Amino acid sequence: MSDRPQPQLKPQPKPGILDISPYKPGKAAVEGVAHPLKLSANENILGSSPDAKAAFVSAMDELHLYPDGRCNALREAISARYGLEPERLLFGCGSDEIFQLIGQTFIQAGDNAVQGEHGFGAFAIATRAAGGEVRMATEVNLRIDVDELLACVDERTRIVWVANPANPTGTLVGGSEIRRLHAALPAGVVLVLDGAYAEFADDPDFEDGVDLVRNFSNVIMTRTFSKLHGLAALRVGWAYMPQDMADAIDRIRLPFNVSIPAQRAAIAALADDDFQARSLELVQTWRPWLSQQLGGLGLETTASSANFVLARFPKTPGRTAADADAFLCARGLIPRMVGGYGLPDHLRLTIGLEEHNRAVVDALAAFMGTRP
């Protein structure tokens, strides 16, 4: 018999691809409910800035044109807003694309990346897609633990992923701990600080990572227009990083990855201080209220620094998170199951308008049997 490899019957994915668990977004519809309230995706309940909507419409007659591949107008707007060097910015079709680009640039087969055990699913996908191993560090009280992260780092570690505030827990790591983490990492390891929910963090210990990026050669900070700015449909993410990293990643970035309408809307949204202030005020008012009310129902919540609250349900049959999910959905309120993040006993709830938050509490009170 010949020792030559036999021809494959059909093309095969490269090793590791089929080991990836596809990202599963929160539910958006409920059978039998015409207009449910979607509290499963941490979208801005106020919608989008009126100025951003007008800017989006202004691009209507330019749909036949390719966008500016360098996002120069948006680049200058972000640079001016945050005092950042424009050449150190990189733009993506949402932060998710930026994570993929970082993974492809710095990870190869045999390497690994480290993240918290309940970390954002897109980190693991980006790592595995590049051929890397995902190492999950134990979290303490649903919070990233620096020492646990460092215990997972070895000579083949290329990236440490940290969402701060975290998704789906909402917990935050203080600036001193982030700096301690960075100081202990080998110089060749990239520390990625995902700040998708950074604007909602009002803890005085929070630091956005700009100073780390500016002063060191191995830190990347990512942000998004999907949450505070309410532009989730347009997929606009950006990152601030050392210029040599930006130059390397830019070599594999698709050339026209952020559309003209998206760029226009993002620039307008960035300038609409009133909409941002109203969005922040809503979360800052109703996040503690919702947490307090859920606690009064006997449900444990994490101290959230994002625009959502994570609640833990009992294991008692009839009172589980899955039971609560079914109960809420039947009443047109869609929470987020987070069993895929290793949290099968929890539900995540986006902060809504006053009537939405009260409706959730009333429904859960009935579910828990504390009200008729």
Protein backbone atom coordinates (compact mmCIF):
# COMPACT_ATOMS: atom_id res chain seq x y z
CA MET A 1 0.00 0.00 0.00
CA SER A 2 1.26 3.49 -0.84
CA ASP A 3 2.44 5.72 2.01
CA ARG A 4 1.29 8.78 0.14
CA PRO A 5 -1.51 10.74 1.88
CA GLN A 6 -4.89 9.93 0.42
CA PRO A 7 -6.82 12.75 -1.24
CA GLN A 8 -9.54 14.33 0.91
CA LEU A 9 -13.11 13.93 -0.26
CA LYS A 10 -13.87 17.59 0.42
CA PRO A 11 -12.10 20.70 1.72
CA GLN A 12 -11.45 20.62 5.46
CA PRO A 13 -11.23 23.56 7.88
CA LYS A 14 -7.82 24.04 9.42
CA PRO A 15 -7.28 22.47 12.86
CA GLY A 16 -9.12 24.27 15.64
CA ILE A 17 -11.81 25.97 13.59
CA LEU A 18 -14.50 23.40 14.36
CA ASP A 19 -13.58 23.58 18.05
CA ILE A 20 -14.82 27.18 18.15
CA SER A 21 -18.22 27.71 19.72
CA PRO A 22 -20.01 30.26 17.51
CA TYR A 23 -21.02 33.49 19.22
CA LYS A 24 -24.69 33.40 20.21
CA PRO A 25 -26.29 36.82 20.59
CA GLY A 26 -29.13 37.46 23.00
CA LYS A 27 -32.65 36.70 21.88
CA ALA A 28 -34.44 39.43 19.99
CA ALA A 29 -37.89 37.84 19.57
CA VAL A 30 -40.34 35.70 21.51
CA GLU A 31 -42.84 33.42 19.85
CA GLY A 32 -46.36 34.69 20.37
CA VAL A 33 -45.28 38.14 21.59
CA ALA A 34 -45.69 40.88 19.00
CA HIS A 35 -43.48 43.62 20.42
CA PRO A 36 -41.24 42.33 23.19
CA LEU A 37 -38.82 44.55 25.08
CA LYS A 38 -35.28 43.48 24.25
CA LEU A 39 -33.07 43.69 27.33
CA SER A 40 -30.60 41.08 26.13
CA ALA A 41 -27.97 43.01 24.18
CA ASN A 42 -27.06 46.10 26.26
CA GLU A 43 -28.25 48.39 23.50
CA ASN A 44 -28.90 52.06 24.27
CA ILE A 45 -32.58 52.18 25.25
CA LEU A 46 -32.73 55.85 24.18
CA GLY A 47 -31.82 54.89 20.61
CA SER A 48 -29.34 57.09 18.78
CA SER A 49 -28.39 60.74 18.70
CA PRO A 50 -30.70 62.78 16.41
CA ASP A 51 -27.56 64.32 14.95
CA ALA A 52 -26.16 60.86 14.19
CA LYS A 53 -29.39 59.90 12.43
CA ALA A 54 -29.25 63.05 10.31
CA ALA A 55 -25.61 62.36 9.45
CA PHE A 56 -26.50 58.81 8.45
CA VAL A 57 -29.21 60.09 6.09
CA SER A 58 -26.80 62.66 4.64
CA ALA A 59 -24.80 59.80 3.13
CA MET A 60 -27.78 58.53 1.14
CA ASP A 61 -26.50 59.87 -2.18
CA GLU A 62 -23.00 58.44 -1.68
CA LEU A 63 -23.84 54.76 -1.40
CA HIS A 64 -22.13 54.08 -4.72
CA LEU A 65 -18.80 55.34 -3.39
CA TYR A 66 -16.14 53.50 -1.45
CA PRO A 67 -15.57 54.94 2.03
CA ASP A 68 -12.36 56.58 3.17
CA GLY A 69 -10.40 53.50 4.17
CA ARG A 70 -8.39 55.44 6.74
CA CYS A 71 -11.47 57.01 8.38
CA ASN A 72 -9.59 60.30 8.38
CA ALA A 73 -12.45 62.59 9.45
CA LEU A 74 -13.46 60.21 12.24
CA ARG A 75 -9.81 59.76 13.16
CA GLU A 76 -9.40 63.51 13.63
CA ALA A 77 -12.66 63.77 15.59
CA ILE A 78 -11.63 61.06 18.08
CA SER A 79 -8.11 62.46 18.32
CA ALA A 80 -9.45 65.91 19.18
CA ARG A 81 -12.06 64.59 21.60
CA TYR A 82 -9.72 62.44 23.67
CA GLY A 83 -6.36 64.09 23.05
CA LEU A 84 -4.93 61.07 21.24
CA GLU A 85 -2.29 60.85 18.52
CA PRO A 86 -4.26 60.19 15.29
CA GLU A 87 -1.62 57.92 13.77
CA ARG A 88 -2.04 55.51 16.70
CA LEU A 89 -5.75 54.89 16.03
CA LEU A 90 -7.17 51.89 14.20
CA PHE A 91 -10.78 51.40 13.08
CA GLY A 92 -12.86 48.28 12.67
CA CYS A 93 -16.27 46.95 11.81
CA GLY A 94 -17.10 46.96 15.50
CA SER A 95 -14.60 46.07 18.21
CA ASP A 96 -15.10 42.43 17.24
CA GLU A 97 -13.20 42.93 14.00
CA ILE A 98 -10.38 44.61 15.88
CA PHE A 99 -10.11 41.60 18.22
CA GLN A 100 -9.87 39.33 15.19
CA LEU A 101 -7.17 41.51 13.64
CA ILE A 102 -5.16 41.55 16.88
CA GLY A 103 -5.36 37.76 17.10
CA GLN A 104 -4.30 37.27 13.48
CA THR A 105 -1.39 39.66 13.89
CA PHE A 106 0.11 38.31 17.12
CA ILE A 107 -0.98 34.67 17.55
CA GLN A 108 0.15 31.60 15.65
CA ALA A 109 -0.32 27.87 16.16
CA GLY A 110 1.13 26.79 19.49
CA ASP A 111 0.67 30.19 21.13
CA ASN A 112 -1.90 30.98 23.80
CA ALA A 113 -3.94 33.89 25.07
CA VAL A 114 -5.28 34.42 28.58
CA GLN A 115 -8.65 35.79 29.67
CA GLY A 116 -10.98 35.58 32.65
CA GLU A 117 -13.15 32.48 32.91
CA HIS A 118 -16.31 34.55 32.31
CA GLY A 119 -14.66 36.80 29.71
CA PHE A 120 -16.29 38.11 26.54
CA GLY A 121 -16.77 35.31 24.01
CA ALA A 122 -15.26 37.27 21.12
CA PHE A 123 -11.84 37.08 22.78
CA ALA A 124 -11.80 33.28 22.69
CA ILE A 125 -13.06 33.22 19.10
CA ALA A 126 -10.27 35.58 17.98
CA THR A 127 -7.67 33.46 19.76
CA ARG A 128 -8.83 30.11 18.39
CA ALA A 129 -9.36 31.48 14.87
CA ALA A 130 -5.66 32.42 14.82
CA GLY A 131 -4.65 28.91 15.94
CA GLY A 132 -4.04 29.76 19.58
CA GLU A 133 -5.01 28.06 22.83
CA VAL A 134 -7.42 29.84 25.16
CA ARG A 135 -6.47 29.87 28.84
CA MET A 136 -9.24 30.76 31.26
CA ALA A 137 -8.13 32.33 34.53
CA THR A 138 -10.29 31.79 37.59
CA GLU A 139 -12.31 34.85 38.58
CA VAL A 140 -12.91 35.73 42.22
CA ASN A 141 -16.46 36.95 42.97
CA LEU A 142 -17.05 37.30 39.22
CA ARG A 143 -14.15 39.72 38.99
CA ILE A 144 -10.88 39.48 37.10
CA ASP A 145 -8.09 38.45 39.47
CA VAL A 146 -4.65 39.69 38.44
CA ASP A 147 -2.76 36.89 40.16
CA GLU A 148 -4.91 34.23 38.50
CA LEU A 149 -4.30 35.81 35.10
CA LEU A 150 -0.56 35.91 35.68
CA ALA A 151 -0.55 32.26 36.78
CA CYS A 152 -1.78 31.33 33.30
CA VAL A 153 0.95 33.26 31.46
CA ASP A 154 3.95 31.34 30.10
CA GLU A 155 6.55 31.65 27.35
CA ARG A 156 3.92 31.00 24.63
CA THR A 157 1.46 33.62 25.84
CA ARG A 158 0.98 36.35 23.27
CA ILE A 159 -2.15 38.23 24.46
CA VAL A 160 -3.96 38.89 27.73
CA TRP A 161 -7.56 40.01 27.11
CA VAL A 162 -9.29 42.15 29.75
CA ALA A 163 -12.73 43.74 29.33
CA ASN A 164 -13.01 46.57 31.83
CA PRO A 165 -15.81 46.91 32.85
CA ALA A 166 -16.42 43.25 32.14
CA ASN A 167 -19.15 41.65 30.07
CA PRO A 168 -21.30 39.80 31.15
CA THR A 169 -20.56 40.46 34.83
CA GLY A 170 -20.31 44.27 34.85
CA THR A 171 -17.46 44.12 37.35
CA LEU A 172 -14.49 46.47 37.23
CA VAL A 173 -10.76 46.20 37.87
CA GLY A 174 -9.18 49.29 39.39
CA GLY A 175 -6.37 51.16 37.70
CA SER A 176 -3.73 50.11 40.19
CA GLU A 177 -4.50 46.43 39.57
CA ILE A 178 -4.40 46.90 35.79
CA ARG A 179 -1.03 48.60 36.14
CA ARG A 180 0.18 45.77 38.40
CA LEU A 181 -0.93 43.25 35.79
CA HIS A 182 0.90 45.08 33.04
CA ALA A 183 4.09 45.47 35.07
CA ALA A 184 4.24 41.70 35.64
CA LEU A 185 3.72 40.71 32.00
CA PRO A 186 6.65 39.89 29.72
CA ALA A 187 7.36 42.72 27.29
CA GLY A 188 6.34 40.51 24.36
CA VAL A 189 2.78 39.95 25.64
CA VAL A 190 0.04 42.28 24.35
CA LEU A 191 -2.35 43.54 27.02
CA VAL A 192 -5.72 44.33 25.40
CA LEU A 193 -8.04 46.55 27.44
CA ASP A 194 -11.55 46.41 25.98
CA GLY A 195 -13.44 49.51 27.06
CA ALA A 196 -16.80 48.87 25.41
CA TYR A 197 -18.53 49.97 28.63
CA ALA A 198 -15.89 52.42 29.83
CA GLU A 199 -18.16 55.46 29.64
CA PHE A 200 -20.55 53.93 32.18
CA ALA A 201 -17.83 53.35 34.78
CA ASP A 202 -18.13 55.94 37.56
CA ASP A 203 -15.88 54.20 40.06
CA PRO A 204 -13.03 56.60 40.99
CA ASP A 205 -10.57 53.68 40.77
CA PHE A 206 -11.30 53.16 37.07
CA GLU A 207 -8.62 54.08 34.52
CA ASP A 208 -9.24 53.84 30.78
CA GLY A 209 -5.73 52.69 29.86
CA VAL A 210 -4.71 55.67 27.75
CA ASP A 211 -1.61 56.38 29.85
CA LEU A 212 -0.49 52.74 29.63
CA VAL A 213 -0.84 52.77 25.84
CA ARG A 214 1.00 56.05 25.56
CA ASN A 215 3.92 55.00 27.73
CA PHE A 216 4.43 51.34 26.86
CA SER A 217 4.89 49.32 23.68
CA ASN A 218 2.56 46.39 24.42
CA VAL A 219 -0.87 47.79 25.37
CA ILE A 220 -3.97 48.23 23.18
CA MET A 221 -7.17 50.00 24.28
CA THR A 222 -10.38 49.33 22.32
CA ARG A 223 -13.66 51.27 22.33
CA THR A 224 -16.98 51.12 20.50
CA PHE A 225 -19.83 53.33 19.29
CA SER A 226 -22.36 50.55 19.92
CA LYS A 227 -23.23 51.18 23.59
CA LEU A 228 -23.20 54.77 24.84
CA HIS A 229 -23.65 56.21 21.35
CA GLY A 230 -26.36 53.77 20.28
CA LEU A 231 -24.85 52.88 16.90
CA ALA A 232 -24.78 49.10 17.27
CA ALA A 233 -26.28 48.55 13.81
CA LEU A 234 -23.50 50.51 12.12
CA ARG A 235 -20.58 48.54 13.63
CA VAL A 236 -17.97 51.17 14.45
CA GLY A 237 -15.10 50.23 16.76
CA TRP A 238 -11.74 51.88 17.31
CA ALA A 239 -8.49 51.20 19.10
CA TYR A 240 -5.60 53.24 20.46
CA MET A 241 -2.21 51.51 20.39
CA PRO A 242 1.52 51.97 19.75
CA GLN A 243 2.08 53.15 16.20
CA ASP A 244 4.14 50.13 15.18
CA MET A 245 1.31 47.86 16.27
CA ALA A 246 -1.18 49.95 14.29
CA ASP A 247 1.07 49.75 11.23
CA ALA A 248 1.33 45.96 11.52
CA ILE A 249 -2.38 45.36 12.04
CA ASP A 250 -3.27 47.78 9.23
CA ARG A 251 -1.53 45.43 6.77
CA ILE A 252 -4.28 42.81 7.19
CA ARG A 253 -7.23 45.12 7.81
CA LEU A 254 -9.77 45.07 5.00
CA PRO A 255 -9.43 48.35 3.13
CA PHE A 256 -13.01 49.67 3.36
CA ASN A 257 -14.21 48.18 6.64
CA VAL A 258 -16.20 51.14 8.01
CA SER A 259 -18.93 52.49 5.71
CA ILE A 260 -19.54 56.14 4.81
CA PRO A 261 -22.87 56.30 6.72
CA ALA A 262 -21.22 54.71 9.76
CA GLN A 263 -18.31 57.15 9.74
CA ARG A 264 -20.63 60.15 9.36
CA ALA A 265 -22.95 58.99 12.13
CA ALA A 266 -20.06 58.26 14.50
CA ILE A 267 -18.60 61.75 14.04
CA ALA A 268 -21.99 63.32 14.77
CA ALA A 269 -22.63 61.05 17.76
CA LEU A 270 -19.25 61.93 19.25
CA ALA A 271 -20.18 65.62 19.16
CA ASP A 272 -23.66 65.21 20.69
CA ASP A 273 -22.89 65.84 24.35
CA ASP A 274 -26.57 66.14 25.28
CA PHE A 275 -27.44 62.64 24.07
CA GLN A 276 -24.42 61.17 25.82
CA ALA A 277 -25.32 62.95 29.06
CA ARG A 278 -28.92 61.70 28.94
CA SER A 279 -27.72 58.16 28.26
CA LEU A 280 -25.32 58.25 31.19
CA GLU A 281 -27.87 59.83 33.53
CA LEU A 282 -30.37 57.09 32.75
CA VAL A 283 -27.90 54.35 33.64
CA GLN A 284 -26.55 56.13 36.71
CA THR A 285 -30.09 56.62 38.01
CA TRP A 286 -31.62 53.20 37.34
CA ARG A 287 -28.66 50.84 37.69
CA PRO A 288 -28.47 51.16 41.50
CA TRP A 289 -32.25 51.15 41.76
CA LEU A 290 -32.57 47.94 39.77
CA SER A 291 -29.81 46.28 41.77
CA GLN A 292 -31.44 47.30 45.05
CA GLN A 293 -34.88 46.07 43.95
CA LEU A 294 -33.54 42.72 42.78
CA GLY A 295 -31.68 42.36 46.06
CA GLY A 296 -34.96 42.94 47.87
CA LEU A 297 -36.41 39.99 45.99
CA GLY A 298 -33.63 37.78 47.31
CA LEU A 299 -31.56 37.87 44.13
CA GLU A 300 -27.81 38.46 44.38
CA THR A 301 -26.42 41.05 41.95
CA THR A 302 -22.88 42.07 41.10
CA ALA A 303 -21.67 45.64 41.55
CA SER A 304 -22.06 46.67 37.91
CA SER A 305 -20.09 49.45 36.23
CA ALA A 306 -21.81 48.91 32.88
CA ASN A 307 -25.29 49.56 31.45
CA PHE A 308 -26.68 46.26 32.73
CA VAL A 309 -27.14 44.26 35.91
CA LEU A 310 -26.30 40.59 36.40
CA ALA A 311 -28.59 38.69 38.78
CA ARG A 312 -28.12 35.25 40.31
CA PHE A 313 -31.09 32.92 40.72
CA PRO A 314 -31.56 29.93 43.02
CA LYS A 315 -31.06 26.35 41.89
CA THR A 316 -34.50 25.48 43.25
CA PRO A 317 -36.72 23.93 40.55
CA GLY A 318 -39.21 26.50 39.38
CA ARG A 319 -37.00 29.39 40.52
CA THR A 320 -33.93 28.90 38.31
CA ALA A 321 -32.49 31.38 35.84
CA ALA A 322 -33.93 29.31 32.98
CA ASP A 323 -37.36 29.39 34.64
CA ALA A 324 -37.08 33.15 35.15
CA ASP A 325 -36.06 33.61 31.52
CA ALA A 326 -39.15 31.74 30.34
CA PHE A 327 -41.36 33.67 32.76
CA LEU A 328 -40.04 37.07 31.64
CA CYS A 329 -40.11 36.22 27.95
CA ALA A 330 -43.75 35.12 28.21
CA ARG A 331 -44.47 38.62 29.48
CA GLY A 332 -42.58 40.29 26.65
CA LEU A 333 -39.37 41.03 28.60
CA ILE A 334 -36.27 39.45 27.07
CA PRO A 335 -33.25 39.03 29.39
CA ARG A 336 -29.92 37.45 28.46
CA MET A 337 -29.10 33.89 29.47
CA VAL A 338 -25.37 33.64 30.16
CA GLY A 339 -24.84 29.91 30.59
CA GLY A 340 -22.40 30.06 27.68
CA TYR A 341 -20.19 32.22 29.88
CA GLY A 342 -20.16 29.65 32.66
CA LEU A 343 -22.96 31.41 34.54
CA PRO A 344 -26.01 29.14 34.15
CA ASP A 345 -27.62 30.49 37.34
CA HIS A 346 -27.58 34.11 36.15
CA LEU A 347 -29.53 36.46 33.91
CA ARG A 348 -28.19 39.73 32.53
CA LEU A 349 -30.62 42.65 32.24
CA THR A 350 -29.98 45.82 30.24
CA ILE A 351 -30.95 49.05 32.01
CA GLY A 352 -34.13 50.34 30.40
CA LEU A 353 -36.42 53.31 30.79
CA GLU A 354 -38.20 53.74 34.14
CA GLU A 355 -41.28 51.85 32.99
CA HIS A 356 -39.13 49.02 31.65
CA ASN A 357 -37.16 48.64 34.88
CA ARG A 358 -40.31 48.71 36.98
CA ALA A 359 -41.95 46.13 34.71
CA VAL A 360 -38.95 43.80 35.14
CA VAL A 361 -39.03 44.13 38.92
CA ASP A 362 -42.80 43.57 39.06
CA ALA A 363 -42.51 40.49 36.87
CA LEU A 364 -39.65 39.04 38.90
CA ALA A 365 -41.51 39.76 42.13
CA ALA A 366 -44.39 37.68 40.82
CA PHE A 367 -41.95 34.99 39.67
CA MET A 368 -40.24 34.84 43.06
CA GLY A 369 -43.60 34.75 44.81
CA THR A 370 -43.10 37.93 46.78
CA ARG A 371 -46.10 39.64 45.19
CA PRO A 372 -49.45 38.25 43.97
